[in-house]
Amino acid sequence: MSTTRGDAPNVRVGTPARAQGPAGEIEILTEEIPPPSQINDAIVIGLSIAAGICGLAFGVVLTLGGPLPLYGGALALGLLSLAYAVRRYFTDRFPEVEAIEARLQFTDPELPEPETVAEVRAVGRRPVLRWALIGSATTLGVGLLAPISTLGPRAGNQLGSTAWRRGTRVVSTDGEPIRPEDIAPGGVLYVWPEGAVNNEFSSTILVRLATAPEEPTNFDWVVDDRVAAYSRVCTHAGCPVNLYREQDEALFCPCHQSTFDVVRGCIPTFGPAARALPQLPLDTDDEGYLVATDDFADQVGPARG
């Protein structure tokens, strides 16, 4: 049986909440039920609305490419508002309980589980606050989907099909067409398909070997027995292969030190890359300029699928 003190109408004094024998009972000494508070309700609802607005602001500003301090501040303020709203929501949802919980020796497997203080039920009131928090969290969550748009465009089939086509001229970064004699022995040029300069997936390195190429080089795709072209997109992580070591005729990726033997079809000889750099089919047109006879036969860049 429990009684209520006259000088504290929200404080109850009672005896055990459940009797399960001397070792399993909980004796609630006092249970203080917090009174309803309109101020607390207003704080929870206000902070929930603020968190939702900040979440929407974060998503809109980030999507439109706004400044970092603006959308970063909106996100921080939104999360802070939501966290404090949740904290305030629980201030008058659970009673303050002072209880004695007897120690239970689990010697009998058929002995029922004792009731714990954690099982004290919450005060059931003001469902509008719960829905305000749910709505706020949902709105903020929708705003957090905005960073998906900053991950960049999908690669699609760009790695499997580049801008190289049959008859496409090989041009320099300045857009000038290239003849085989424009490359000195042991020299290299960064080249592109005509009309697609700076297309990173089509980036190619043109090399005039100092020695005759060896298998597995496709000799039909080599011009003047020395001029060959290979994709610059590393087959390990997609970094640009920017360095050429003339002494051993090797291409080198600076990101993870993958090394490719140009004499032998750009097969990897060192580093994490496991595939050779794809070779570009080359020929010359009627004016003597280098052209591609097709796209890369193999996928450029890292393997997928």
Protein backbone atom coordinates (compact mmCIF):
# COMPACT_ATOMS: atom_id res chain seq x y z
CA MET A 1 0.00 0.00 0.00
CA SER A 2 1.26 3.49 -0.78
CA THR A 3 0.36 6.86 0.70
CA THR A 4 0.71 10.45 -0.43
CA ARG A 5 2.20 13.11 1.80
CA GLY A 6 0.04 16.14 2.27
CA ASP A 7 2.92 18.60 1.98
CA ALA A 8 4.21 17.06 -1.27
CA PRO A 9 1.30 15.94 -3.46
CA ASN A 10 3.63 14.48 -6.12
CA VAL A 11 5.68 12.40 -3.71
CA ARG A 12 4.47 8.91 -2.91
CA VAL A 13 5.74 6.76 -0.10
CA GLY A 14 5.09 3.06 -0.36
CA THR A 15 6.11 -0.49 0.19
CA PRO A 16 7.46 -3.03 -2.30
CA ALA A 17 6.36 -2.60 -5.92
CA ARG A 18 6.32 -6.37 -6.39
CA ALA A 19 6.71 -9.13 -3.88
CA GLN A 20 8.85 -12.00 -5.12
CA GLY A 21 10.23 -13.25 -1.86
CA PRO A 22 12.74 -11.52 0.35
CA ALA A 23 15.55 -11.72 -2.23
CA GLY A 24 13.56 -10.51 -5.23
CA GLU A 25 11.52 -7.58 -4.03
CA ILE A 26 12.07 -3.88 -4.67
CA GLU A 27 11.04 -1.45 -1.99
CA ILE A 28 10.23 1.97 -3.40
CA LEU A 29 10.89 4.49 -0.67
CA THR A 30 9.80 7.60 -2.57
CA GLU A 31 8.49 8.27 -6.07
CA GLU A 32 8.36 11.89 -7.15
CA ILE A 33 6.26 12.48 -10.27
CA PRO A 34 7.24 15.70 -12.05
CA PRO A 35 4.30 18.05 -12.64
CA PRO A 36 3.33 19.09 -16.20
CA SER A 37 5.28 22.14 -17.35
CA GLN A 38 4.06 24.38 -20.16
CA ILE A 39 7.44 26.08 -20.24
CA ASN A 40 9.20 22.77 -20.80
CA ASP A 41 6.68 21.84 -23.51
CA ALA A 42 7.30 25.16 -25.25
CA ILE A 43 11.06 24.61 -25.10
CA VAL A 44 10.78 21.12 -26.62
CA ILE A 45 8.47 22.25 -29.43
CA GLY A 46 10.54 25.38 -30.14
CA LEU A 47 13.81 23.48 -30.29
CA SER A 48 12.23 20.81 -32.50
CA ILE A 49 11.08 23.45 -34.96
CA ALA A 50 14.52 25.10 -34.88
CA ALA A 51 16.24 21.75 -35.54
CA GLY A 52 13.96 21.07 -38.51
CA ILE A 53 14.59 24.51 -40.01
CA CYS A 54 18.35 24.14 -39.54
CA GLY A 55 18.24 20.73 -41.20
CA LEU A 56 16.46 22.12 -44.25
CA ALA A 57 18.84 25.10 -44.37
CA PHE A 58 21.82 22.74 -44.30
CA GLY A 59 20.49 20.71 -47.21
CA VAL A 60 19.52 23.72 -49.34
CA VAL A 61 22.74 25.69 -48.79
CA LEU A 62 24.95 22.65 -49.41
CA THR A 63 23.08 21.70 -52.57
CA LEU A 64 23.36 25.26 -53.92
CA GLY A 65 27.07 25.35 -53.19
CA GLY A 66 26.89 27.89 -50.37
CA PRO A 67 29.78 28.71 -48.04
CA LEU A 68 31.00 26.12 -45.57
CA PRO A 69 30.48 28.30 -42.45
CA LEU A 70 26.82 28.74 -43.38
CA TYR A 71 25.78 25.14 -43.93
CA GLY A 72 28.23 23.86 -41.32
CA GLY A 73 26.77 26.22 -38.76
CA ALA A 74 23.23 25.22 -39.70
CA LEU A 75 24.08 21.54 -39.24
CA ALA A 76 25.76 22.11 -35.88
CA LEU A 77 22.88 24.26 -34.62
CA GLY A 78 20.32 21.74 -35.82
CA LEU A 79 21.99 18.80 -34.11
CA LEU A 80 22.45 20.80 -30.91
CA SER A 81 18.80 21.89 -30.91
CA LEU A 82 17.57 18.35 -31.47
CA ALA A 83 19.82 16.95 -28.74
CA TYR A 84 18.67 19.52 -26.20
CA ALA A 85 15.03 19.03 -27.19
CA VAL A 86 15.35 15.30 -26.52
CA ARG A 87 16.99 16.05 -23.18
CA ARG A 88 14.21 18.41 -22.16
CA TYR A 89 11.57 15.93 -23.35
CA PHE A 90 12.64 13.42 -20.74
CA THR A 91 12.82 15.87 -17.82
CA ASP A 92 9.17 15.31 -16.90
CA ARG A 93 8.61 11.92 -18.48
CA PHE A 94 10.05 9.77 -15.71
CA PRO A 95 9.54 9.97 -11.96
CA GLU A 96 12.37 10.39 -9.53
CA VAL A 97 12.51 7.09 -7.66
CA GLU A 98 14.33 6.21 -4.46
CA ALA A 99 14.24 2.48 -3.91
CA ILE A 100 15.96 -0.43 -2.24
CA GLU A 101 16.64 -3.44 -4.44
CA ALA A 102 17.54 -6.59 -2.57
CA ARG A 103 20.36 -8.72 -3.87
CA LEU A 104 19.09 -11.88 -5.53
CA GLN A 105 21.03 -15.12 -5.62
CA PHE A 106 20.16 -16.97 -8.84
CA THR A 107 20.34 -20.46 -7.43
CA ASP A 108 16.94 -21.63 -8.64
CA PRO A 109 16.57 -21.62 -12.47
CA GLU A 110 12.78 -21.50 -12.07
CA LEU A 111 12.91 -18.36 -9.93
CA PRO A 112 11.24 -15.43 -11.76
CA GLU A 113 13.24 -12.40 -12.85
CA PRO A 114 13.03 -9.56 -10.30
CA GLU A 115 11.67 -6.16 -11.14
CA THR A 116 14.36 -3.50 -11.46
CA VAL A 117 14.28 0.23 -11.02
CA ALA A 118 14.75 0.57 -14.79
CA GLU A 119 11.27 -0.93 -15.22
CA VAL A 120 9.56 2.02 -13.58
CA ARG A 121 7.05 3.24 -16.12
CA ALA A 122 7.19 6.65 -17.69
CA VAL A 123 4.49 9.23 -17.13
CA GLY A 124 2.05 8.94 -20.01
CA ARG A 125 1.22 12.44 -21.23
CA ARG A 126 1.76 15.02 -23.97
CA PRO A 127 2.13 12.87 -27.11
CA VAL A 128 2.43 16.10 -29.14
CA LEU A 129 5.99 16.45 -27.85
CA ARG A 130 6.88 13.00 -29.09
CA TRP A 131 5.54 13.77 -32.55
CA ALA A 132 7.35 17.11 -32.58
CA LEU A 133 10.64 15.33 -31.94
CA ILE A 134 9.92 12.67 -34.55
CA GLY A 135 9.07 15.32 -37.13
CA SER A 136 12.17 17.31 -36.27
CA ALA A 137 14.46 14.29 -36.50
CA THR A 138 12.88 13.28 -39.82
CA THR A 139 13.32 16.76 -41.31
CA LEU A 140 16.91 16.94 -40.13
CA GLY A 141 17.54 13.48 -41.54
CA VAL A 142 16.21 14.52 -44.94
CA GLY A 143 18.59 17.49 -44.87
CA LEU A 144 21.49 15.16 -44.16
CA LEU A 145 20.83 13.41 -47.48
CA ALA A 146 22.09 16.53 -49.28
CA PRO A 147 25.78 15.51 -49.16
CA ILE A 148 24.94 12.71 -51.58
CA SER A 149 24.83 15.34 -54.34
CA THR A 150 28.45 16.33 -53.57
CA LEU A 151 29.85 12.88 -54.24
CA GLY A 152 30.21 13.75 -57.91
CA PRO A 153 28.67 12.26 -61.05
CA ARG A 154 28.40 8.55 -61.51
CA ALA A 155 31.20 7.09 -63.55
CA GLY A 156 28.67 5.09 -65.55
CA ASN A 157 30.44 3.46 -68.49
CA GLN A 158 33.11 6.16 -68.77
CA LEU A 159 35.83 3.73 -67.72
CA GLY A 160 34.68 1.12 -70.21
CA SER A 161 34.29 3.53 -73.11
CA THR A 162 36.41 6.64 -73.58
CA ALA A 163 36.33 9.43 -76.17
CA TRP A 164 38.74 7.61 -78.50
CA ARG A 165 37.12 6.48 -81.74
CA ARG A 166 38.32 5.14 -85.08
CA GLY A 167 39.97 7.98 -87.00
CA THR A 168 40.20 10.34 -84.00
CA ARG A 169 43.38 12.38 -84.21
CA VAL A 170 45.89 12.38 -81.38
CA VAL A 171 46.37 15.97 -80.19
CA SER A 172 48.47 17.73 -77.57
CA THR A 173 47.10 19.64 -74.62
CA ASP A 174 47.07 22.71 -76.90
CA GLY A 175 44.87 20.83 -79.35
CA GLU A 176 47.60 20.47 -82.00
CA PRO A 177 47.73 17.23 -84.03
CA ILE A 178 50.88 15.15 -83.67
CA ARG A 179 53.08 13.33 -86.18
CA PRO A 180 55.32 10.42 -85.13
CA GLU A 181 58.46 12.45 -85.84
CA ASP A 182 57.36 15.08 -83.32
CA ILE A 183 58.47 12.74 -80.53
CA ALA A 184 62.18 12.34 -79.87
CA PRO A 185 63.58 8.89 -79.00
CA GLY A 186 62.92 8.26 -75.33
CA GLY A 187 60.45 11.15 -75.24
CA VAL A 188 56.87 11.18 -74.03
CA LEU A 189 53.82 13.38 -74.60
CA TYR A 190 50.52 13.65 -72.77
CA VAL A 191 47.87 13.44 -75.47
CA TRP A 192 44.11 13.46 -75.88
CA PRO A 193 41.44 12.65 -78.46
CA GLU A 194 40.75 15.59 -80.73
CA GLY A 195 37.73 17.43 -79.36
CA ALA A 196 38.10 15.90 -75.90
CA VAL A 197 41.16 17.61 -74.44
CA ASN A 198 41.30 17.28 -70.65
CA ASN A 199 38.84 14.36 -70.63
CA GLU A 200 40.47 12.54 -67.72
CA PHE A 201 39.20 9.10 -68.69
CA SER A 202 40.70 9.48 -72.17
CA SER A 203 44.04 10.81 -70.97
CA THR A 204 46.86 8.99 -72.80
CA ILE A 205 50.66 8.99 -72.76
CA LEU A 206 52.50 8.76 -76.07
CA VAL A 207 55.99 7.23 -75.98
CA ARG A 208 58.78 6.79 -78.53
CA LEU A 209 60.75 3.81 -77.27
CA ALA A 210 64.51 3.76 -77.44
CA THR A 211 64.46 -0.01 -77.95
CA ALA A 212 62.17 -2.29 -79.91
CA PRO A 213 58.97 -3.26 -78.08
CA GLU A 214 58.49 -6.81 -76.86
CA GLU A 215 55.51 -9.00 -76.17
CA PRO A 216 52.83 -8.69 -74.89
CA THR A 217 52.88 -5.36 -76.77
CA ASN A 218 50.44 -5.39 -79.70
CA PHE A 219 52.86 -4.61 -82.53
CA ASP A 220 50.02 -3.78 -84.94
CA TRP A 221 49.21 -0.77 -82.75
CA VAL A 222 52.77 0.59 -82.77
CA VAL A 223 53.73 3.24 -85.35
CA ASP A 224 57.26 3.41 -86.83
CA ASP A 225 58.14 0.35 -84.72
CA ARG A 226 58.73 2.64 -81.73
CA VAL A 227 55.74 4.93 -81.08
CA ALA A 228 53.12 3.50 -78.74
CA ALA A 229 50.32 4.96 -76.63
CA TYR A 230 48.93 3.83 -73.28
CA SER A 231 46.21 5.00 -70.93
CA ARG A 232 47.40 7.34 -68.18
CA VAL A 233 44.74 6.15 -65.73
CA CYS A 234 46.48 3.82 -63.28
CA THR A 235 44.86 0.42 -63.05
CA HIS A 236 45.27 0.38 -59.26
CA ALA A 237 43.39 3.43 -57.93
CA GLY A 238 42.85 5.61 -61.00
CA CYS A 239 45.62 8.13 -60.34
CA PRO A 240 47.30 9.75 -63.37
CA VAL A 241 50.52 8.02 -64.42
CA ASN A 242 52.69 11.12 -64.78
CA LEU A 243 56.31 10.01 -64.62
CA TYR A 244 58.53 8.32 -67.21
CA ARG A 245 61.94 6.85 -66.42
CA GLU A 246 63.92 6.84 -69.62
CA GLN A 247 66.80 4.72 -68.26
CA ASP A 248 64.58 1.65 -67.88
CA GLU A 249 61.70 2.81 -70.11
CA ALA A 250 59.09 2.56 -67.37
CA LEU A 251 56.01 4.57 -66.50
CA PHE A 252 55.56 5.39 -62.83
CA CYS A 253 52.43 6.28 -60.84
CA PRO A 254 53.33 8.71 -58.01
CA CYS A 255 50.29 7.84 -55.86
CA HIS A 256 51.24 4.30 -54.83
CA GLN A 257 54.50 3.72 -56.76
CA SER A 258 53.09 1.32 -59.33
CA THR A 259 55.61 0.85 -62.15
CA PHE A 260 54.82 -0.28 -65.73
CA ASP A 261 57.26 -1.69 -68.31
CA VAL A 262 56.63 0.22 -71.53
CA VAL A 263 58.79 -2.10 -73.62
CA ARG A 264 56.62 -5.08 -72.64
CA GLY A 265 53.15 -3.69 -73.11
CA CYS A 266 53.09 -1.64 -69.86
CA ILE A 267 52.76 -4.68 -67.65
CA PRO A 268 53.15 -3.87 -63.92
CA THR A 269 56.59 -4.66 -62.49
CA PHE A 270 56.28 -3.03 -59.07
CA GLY A 271 53.62 -1.71 -56.73
CA PRO A 272 49.99 -2.62 -56.10
CA ALA A 273 48.73 -2.43 -59.70
CA ALA A 274 47.80 -5.87 -61.01
CA ARG A 275 46.80 -5.02 -64.60
CA ALA A 276 48.76 -3.54 -67.48
CA LEU A 277 47.92 -0.07 -68.73
CA PRO A 278 45.61 -0.51 -71.77
CA GLN A 279 47.30 0.12 -75.12
CA LEU A 280 45.66 2.49 -77.61
CA PRO A 281 45.47 1.24 -81.22
CA LEU A 282 47.50 3.72 -83.29
CA ASP A 283 48.00 4.50 -86.99
CA THR A 284 48.54 7.54 -89.20
CA ASP A 285 46.09 9.29 -91.50
CA ASP A 286 46.66 10.52 -95.07
CA GLU A 287 48.36 13.66 -93.75
CA GLY A 288 50.77 11.72 -91.57
CA TYR A 289 49.12 12.61 -88.25
CA LEU A 290 48.67 10.03 -85.54
CA VAL A 291 45.11 8.72 -85.18
CA ALA A 292 43.40 6.06 -83.12
CA THR A 293 42.00 3.09 -84.99
CA ASP A 294 39.61 2.29 -82.15
CA ASP A 295 38.98 2.83 -78.45
CA PHE A 296 41.07 1.05 -75.81
CA ALA A 297 40.45 -2.67 -76.10
CA ASP A 298 40.58 -3.07 -72.31
CA GLN A 299 38.88 -1.06 -69.62
CA VAL A 300 40.95 1.87 -68.41
CA GLY A 301 41.54 2.47 -64.73
CA PRO A 302 40.75 0.13 -61.82
CA ALA A 303 38.81 -3.05 -62.48
CA ARG A 304 35.11 -2.92 -61.63
CA GLY A 305 32.24 -5.33 -61.40
